[in-house]
Amino acid sequence: MLDNINPVEVEMCSDVIDGIIELSVTKDGDGLLMDFEHHGIKNTMDDSAAIDIFSYSIAVHEEKNYE
């Protein structure tokens, strides 16, 4: 669980380009921190040795209507 860092702010930083959109996710203006041990996001904002996550790339697709 990430209860120590929630809530976060999500900002769309790009249009969808080749099925990818770039997002910024921050807590009080600071980037979230990478947790290499658990392959995810650290549940803290207080680790001076952790690496800041600059942005997130999310794959998206359009919904197809087959009617």
N, C-alpha and C. Protein backbone atom coordinates (compact mmCIF):
# COMPACT_ATOMS: atom_id res chain seq x y z
N MET A 1 0.84 -1.19 0.00
CA MET A 1 0.00 0.00 0.00
C MET A 1 0.88 1.25 0.00
N LEU A 2 0.34 2.28 -0.56
CA LEU A 2 1.08 3.55 -0.64
C LEU A 2 0.39 4.63 0.18
N ASP A 3 -0.12 4.26 1.35
CA ASP A 3 -0.89 5.19 2.16
C ASP A 3 -0.08 6.37 2.69
N ASN A 4 1.24 6.25 2.78
CA ASN A 4 2.06 7.36 3.27
C ASN A 4 2.27 8.46 2.23
N ILE A 5 2.05 8.16 0.96
CA ILE A 5 2.27 9.18 -0.07
C ILE A 5 0.98 9.67 -0.71
N ASN A 6 -0.13 9.00 -0.47
CA ASN A 6 -1.41 9.44 -1.05
C ASN A 6 -2.00 10.58 -0.24
N PRO A 7 -2.75 11.48 -0.85
CA PRO A 7 -3.08 11.53 -2.27
C PRO A 7 -1.95 12.14 -3.08
N VAL A 8 -1.93 11.85 -4.37
CA VAL A 8 -0.94 12.39 -5.30
C VAL A 8 -1.64 13.22 -6.37
N GLU A 9 -0.87 14.00 -7.07
CA GLU A 9 -1.38 14.80 -8.19
C GLU A 9 -0.86 14.19 -9.49
N VAL A 10 -1.77 13.98 -10.44
CA VAL A 10 -1.41 13.40 -11.74
C VAL A 10 -1.61 14.47 -12.81
N GLU A 11 -0.58 14.68 -13.62
CA GLU A 11 -0.65 15.68 -14.69
C GLU A 11 -0.29 15.00 -16.01
N MET A 12 -1.12 15.20 -17.03
CA MET A 12 -0.80 14.70 -18.37
C MET A 12 0.18 15.68 -19.00
N CYS A 13 1.33 15.16 -19.43
CA CYS A 13 2.40 16.01 -19.96
C CYS A 13 2.52 15.96 -21.47
N SER A 14 1.74 15.12 -22.12
CA SER A 14 1.82 15.03 -23.58
C SER A 14 0.49 14.56 -24.13
N ASP A 15 0.36 14.70 -25.44
CA ASP A 15 -0.75 14.08 -26.15
C ASP A 15 -0.41 12.60 -26.32
N VAL A 16 -1.36 11.82 -26.80
CA VAL A 16 -1.07 10.43 -27.12
C VAL A 16 -0.28 10.41 -28.42
N ILE A 17 0.94 9.88 -28.35
CA ILE A 17 1.83 9.80 -29.51
C ILE A 17 2.24 8.34 -29.65
N ASP A 18 1.86 7.74 -30.78
CA ASP A 18 2.15 6.32 -31.02
C ASP A 18 1.64 5.43 -29.89
N GLY A 19 0.47 5.77 -29.34
CA GLY A 19 -0.15 4.95 -28.31
C GLY A 19 0.43 5.13 -26.92
N ILE A 20 1.28 6.14 -26.72
CA ILE A 20 1.93 6.39 -25.42
C ILE A 20 1.60 7.81 -24.96
N ILE A 21 1.30 7.97 -23.68
CA ILE A 21 1.12 9.30 -23.08
C ILE A 21 2.07 9.42 -21.90
N GLU A 22 2.64 10.60 -21.72
CA GLU A 22 3.57 10.82 -20.62
C GLU A 22 2.83 11.52 -19.47
N LEU A 23 3.01 11.00 -18.25
CA LEU A 23 2.37 11.56 -17.06
C LEU A 23 3.41 11.97 -16.04
N SER A 24 3.05 12.95 -15.22
CA SER A 24 3.84 13.33 -14.06
C SER A 24 2.98 13.03 -12.83
N VAL A 25 3.54 12.34 -11.85
CA VAL A 25 2.83 12.03 -10.62
C VAL A 25 3.66 12.60 -9.47
N THR A 26 3.07 13.52 -8.70
CA THR A 26 3.81 14.19 -7.63
C THR A 26 3.01 14.20 -6.33
N LYS A 27 3.72 14.41 -5.25
CA LYS A 27 3.14 14.60 -3.92
C LYS A 27 3.66 15.93 -3.41
N ASP A 28 2.76 16.89 -3.27
CA ASP A 28 3.13 18.24 -2.81
C ASP A 28 4.25 18.84 -3.67
N GLY A 29 4.21 18.56 -4.98
CA GLY A 29 5.17 19.13 -5.92
C GLY A 29 6.45 18.34 -6.07
N ASP A 30 6.65 17.30 -5.28
CA ASP A 30 7.86 16.48 -5.37
C ASP A 30 7.57 15.18 -6.10
N GLY A 31 8.52 14.74 -6.92
CA GLY A 31 8.37 13.47 -7.61
C GLY A 31 8.41 12.30 -6.64
N LEU A 32 7.73 11.23 -7.00
CA LEU A 32 7.75 10.02 -6.17
C LEU A 32 9.09 9.33 -6.31
N LEU A 33 9.37 8.40 -5.42
CA LEU A 33 10.69 7.76 -5.36
C LEU A 33 10.62 6.30 -5.80
N MET A 34 11.64 5.86 -6.51
CA MET A 34 11.71 4.49 -7.01
C MET A 34 12.11 3.53 -5.90
N ASP A 35 11.42 2.41 -5.82
CA ASP A 35 11.73 1.34 -4.87
C ASP A 35 12.22 0.14 -5.68
N PHE A 36 13.53 0.02 -5.84
CA PHE A 36 14.10 -1.06 -6.65
C PHE A 36 13.90 -2.43 -5.99
N GLU A 37 13.90 -2.47 -4.67
CA GLU A 37 13.74 -3.75 -3.96
C GLU A 37 12.39 -4.39 -4.25
N HIS A 38 11.33 -3.57 -4.31
CA HIS A 38 9.98 -4.09 -4.53
C HIS A 38 9.46 -3.82 -5.95
N HIS A 39 10.32 -3.31 -6.81
CA HIS A 39 9.97 -3.03 -8.22
C HIS A 39 8.74 -2.13 -8.31
N GLY A 40 8.78 -1.01 -7.63
CA GLY A 40 7.64 -0.10 -7.66
C GLY A 40 7.99 1.26 -7.09
N ILE A 41 7.02 1.85 -6.41
CA ILE A 41 7.14 3.19 -5.84
C ILE A 41 7.31 3.07 -4.34
N LYS A 42 8.26 3.84 -3.78
CA LYS A 42 8.47 3.83 -2.33
C LYS A 42 7.26 4.44 -1.63
N ASN A 43 6.96 3.94 -0.45
CA ASN A 43 5.85 4.44 0.35
C ASN A 43 6.35 5.50 1.33
N THR A 44 7.29 6.31 0.88
CA THR A 44 7.83 7.40 1.68
C THR A 44 8.33 8.50 0.75
N MET A 45 8.41 9.69 1.28
CA MET A 45 9.00 10.81 0.54
C MET A 45 10.32 11.23 1.19
N ASP A 46 10.76 10.47 2.21
CA ASP A 46 11.92 10.84 3.02
C ASP A 46 13.05 9.83 2.91
N ASP A 47 13.61 9.66 1.73
CA ASP A 47 14.74 8.76 1.53
C ASP A 47 15.73 9.48 0.61
N SER A 48 16.74 10.09 1.21
CA SER A 48 17.68 10.92 0.44
C SER A 48 18.51 10.10 -0.55
N ALA A 49 18.58 8.78 -0.38
CA ALA A 49 19.35 7.94 -1.29
C ALA A 49 18.51 7.41 -2.45
N ALA A 50 17.19 7.58 -2.39
CA ALA A 50 16.30 7.06 -3.43
C ALA A 50 16.35 7.91 -4.68
N ILE A 51 16.00 7.30 -5.80
CA ILE A 51 15.99 7.98 -7.09
C ILE A 51 14.59 8.52 -7.38
N ASP A 52 14.54 9.79 -7.77
CA ASP A 52 13.29 10.46 -8.12
C ASP A 52 12.77 9.93 -9.46
N ILE A 53 11.48 9.66 -9.54
CA ILE A 53 10.87 9.23 -10.80
C ILE A 53 10.45 10.48 -11.55
N PHE A 54 11.06 10.73 -12.71
CA PHE A 54 10.83 11.96 -13.46
C PHE A 54 9.47 11.95 -14.15
N SER A 55 9.13 10.86 -14.82
CA SER A 55 7.85 10.79 -15.51
C SER A 55 7.47 9.34 -15.73
N TYR A 56 6.23 9.15 -16.10
CA TYR A 56 5.68 7.82 -16.35
C TYR A 56 5.18 7.77 -17.78
N SER A 57 5.46 6.70 -18.49
CA SER A 57 4.94 6.50 -19.84
C SER A 57 3.88 5.42 -19.76
N ILE A 58 2.67 5.75 -20.20
CA ILE A 58 1.54 4.85 -20.11
C ILE A 58 1.07 4.51 -21.53
N ALA A 59 0.91 3.22 -21.82
CA ALA A 59 0.37 2.80 -23.12
C ALA A 59 -1.15 2.93 -23.08
N VAL A 60 -1.69 3.56 -24.10
CA VAL A 60 -3.14 3.73 -24.20
C VAL A 60 -3.60 3.30 -25.60
N HIS A 61 -4.89 3.04 -25.72
CA HIS A 61 -5.43 2.71 -27.02
C HIS A 61 -6.86 3.24 -27.11
N GLU A 62 -7.29 3.45 -28.31
CA GLU A 62 -8.65 3.92 -28.53
C GLU A 62 -9.62 2.76 -28.45
N GLU A 63 -10.78 3.04 -27.89
CA GLU A 63 -11.82 2.01 -27.84
C GLU A 63 -12.43 1.87 -29.23
N LYS A 64 -12.53 0.64 -29.69
CA LYS A 64 -13.10 0.39 -31.02
C LYS A 64 -14.57 0.06 -30.91
N ASN A 65 -15.35 0.63 -31.80
CA ASN A 65 -16.79 0.37 -31.84
C ASN A 65 -17.07 -0.47 -33.09
N TYR A 66 -17.55 -1.68 -32.87
CA TYR A 66 -17.76 -2.61 -33.97
C TYR A 66 -19.21 -2.67 -34.44
N GLU A 67 -20.00 -1.67 -34.17
CA GLU A 67 -21.41 -1.68 -34.59
C GLU A 67 -21.55 -1.40 -36.06
